[in-house]
Protein backbone atom coordinates (compact mmCIF):
# COMPACT_ATOMS: atom_id res chain seq x y z
CA UNK A 1 -28.00 -4.11 -24.44
CA UNK A 2 -24.51 -5.57 -24.85
CA UNK A 3 -23.26 -2.32 -26.38
CA UNK A 4 -24.66 -0.37 -23.43
CA UNK A 5 -22.99 -2.67 -20.91
CA UNK A 6 -19.69 -2.46 -22.79
CA UNK A 7 -19.88 1.35 -22.89
CA UNK A 8 -20.78 1.52 -19.20
CA UNK A 9 -17.93 -0.83 -18.23
CA UNK A 10 -15.46 1.16 -20.34
CA UNK A 11 -16.57 4.45 -18.79
CA UNK A 12 -16.28 2.98 -15.29
CA UNK A 13 -12.78 1.70 -16.03
CA UNK A 14 -11.69 5.11 -17.29
CA UNK A 15 -13.11 6.87 -14.24
CA UNK A 16 -11.69 4.34 -11.75
CA UNK A 17 -8.26 3.97 -13.37
CA UNK A 18 -6.64 7.05 -11.79
CA UNK A 19 -7.50 5.85 -8.28
CA UNK A 20 -5.62 2.59 -8.91
CA UNK A 21 -2.38 4.26 -9.99
CA UNK A 22 0.49 4.09 -7.56
CA UNK A 23 1.31 7.38 -5.88
CA UNK A 24 4.50 9.24 -6.82
CA UNK A 25 4.55 11.55 -3.78
CA UNK A 26 5.67 10.44 -0.31
CA UNK A 27 2.90 10.72 2.27
CA UNK A 28 3.94 11.05 5.94
CA UNK A 29 2.27 8.40 8.10
CA UNK A 30 0.51 11.06 10.19
CA UNK A 31 -1.23 12.32 7.03
CA UNK A 32 -2.63 9.00 5.76
CA UNK A 33 -6.23 9.23 4.60
CA UNK A 34 -8.48 6.20 4.49
CA UNK A 35 -9.38 4.89 1.06
CA UNK A 36 -6.36 6.37 -0.76
CA UNK A 37 -3.34 5.01 -2.58
CA UNK A 38 -0.12 6.16 -0.92
CA UNK A 39 3.65 6.02 -1.09
CA UNK A 40 5.42 5.99 2.29
CA UNK A 41 9.08 5.79 3.26
CA UNK A 42 10.19 4.66 6.69
CA UNK A 43 11.86 1.98 8.75
CA UNK A 44 10.56 -1.51 9.45
CA UNK A 45 10.07 -0.99 13.19
CA UNK A 46 8.79 -4.47 13.94
CA UNK A 47 7.67 -7.58 12.08
CA UNK A 48 4.41 -8.56 13.76
CA UNK A 49 3.54 -11.62 11.66
CA UNK A 50 4.85 -13.42 8.59
CA UNK A 51 2.74 -11.12 6.40
CA UNK A 52 2.62 -7.88 8.39
CA UNK A 53 5.04 -5.30 9.77
CA UNK A 54 4.99 -1.89 11.42
CA UNK A 55 6.38 0.95 9.30
CA UNK A 56 7.64 4.01 11.20
CA UNK A 57 8.64 7.47 10.06
CA UNK A 58 9.21 10.72 11.98
CA UNK A 59 5.44 11.34 12.12
CA UNK A 60 4.11 7.98 13.32
CA UNK A 61 3.63 4.25 12.79
CA UNK A 62 1.27 2.15 10.69
CA UNK A 63 0.74 -1.59 10.19
CA UNK A 64 1.54 -2.74 6.64
CA UNK A 65 -0.07 -5.95 5.38
CA UNK A 66 1.72 -7.83 2.57
CA UNK A 67 -0.35 -11.03 2.50
CA UNK A 68 -0.40 -13.60 1.17
CA UNK A 69 3.32 -12.86 0.86
CA UNK A 70 6.08 -12.96 3.46
CA UNK A 71 7.54 -9.67 4.73
CA UNK A 72 10.36 -8.96 2.23
CA UNK A 73 12.50 -6.80 4.54
CA UNK A 74 14.26 -6.96 7.88
CA UNK A 75 13.59 -5.02 11.07
CA UNK A 76 15.48 -1.74 10.98
CA UNK A 77 15.61 -1.63 7.18
CA UNK A 78 14.45 1.51 5.38
CA UNK A 79 11.80 0.76 2.76
CA UNK A 80 9.39 2.58 0.49
CA UNK A 81 5.87 1.16 0.41
CA UNK A 82 3.14 1.78 -2.15
CA UNK A 83 -0.31 0.63 -1.12
CA UNK A 84 -3.92 1.22 -0.21
CA UNK A 85 -4.96 2.75 3.13
CA UNK A 86 -7.72 0.53 4.49
CA UNK A 87 -10.76 2.13 6.04
CA UNK A 88 -10.59 0.11 9.25
CA UNK A 89 -12.92 1.30 12.00
CA UNK A 90 -10.29 1.93 14.66
CA UNK A 91 -6.99 2.70 12.94
CA UNK A 92 -5.28 2.88 9.58
CA UNK A 93 -3.65 -0.16 8.00
CA UNK A 94 -1.92 -0.19 4.62
CA UNK A 95 -2.30 -3.05 2.14
CA UNK A 96 1.00 -3.03 0.26
CA UNK A 97 1.17 -3.47 -3.51
CA UNK A 98 4.87 -2.75 -3.96
CA UNK A 99 7.91 -2.43 -1.68
CA UNK A 100 11.31 -1.02 -2.54
CA UNK A 101 14.14 -2.11 -0.27
CA UNK A 102 17.10 0.06 0.72
CA UNK A 103 19.30 -1.66 -1.90
CA UNK A 104 16.87 -0.63 -4.67
CA UNK A 105 15.22 -4.03 -5.09
CA UNK A 106 11.53 -3.65 -5.98
CA UNK A 107 9.08 -6.34 -4.88
CA UNK A 108 5.66 -6.47 -6.57
CA UNK A 109 3.29 -8.18 -4.16
CA UNK A 110 0.65 -10.71 -5.14
CA UNK A 111 -2.79 -9.62 -4.07
CA UNK A 112 -4.77 -12.11 -2.05
CA UNK A 113 -7.04 -9.96 0.06
């Protein structure tokens, strides 16, 4: 039984692993699809809370959640965000895993959600 569970867990990890990889292609905000990992580049349009901001590009805007961390960028700053598009009922929201600031600094975000 233990061997079966180990084999099943290993197979699941191998199948699920590609979906957890960070994207290497920029996705415009207007093309975000729920339940996917994305990479987006845009400007911090507004900081809405200590752990959330609005990212804007030429195609739209999306809330980006960084909790339980503080927003690591300033309003008006251009950033690249890697994260997961939540499947919220009413609109998209991105749960950030990594942010790269305009100066090249990369921030890996702790996951608390």
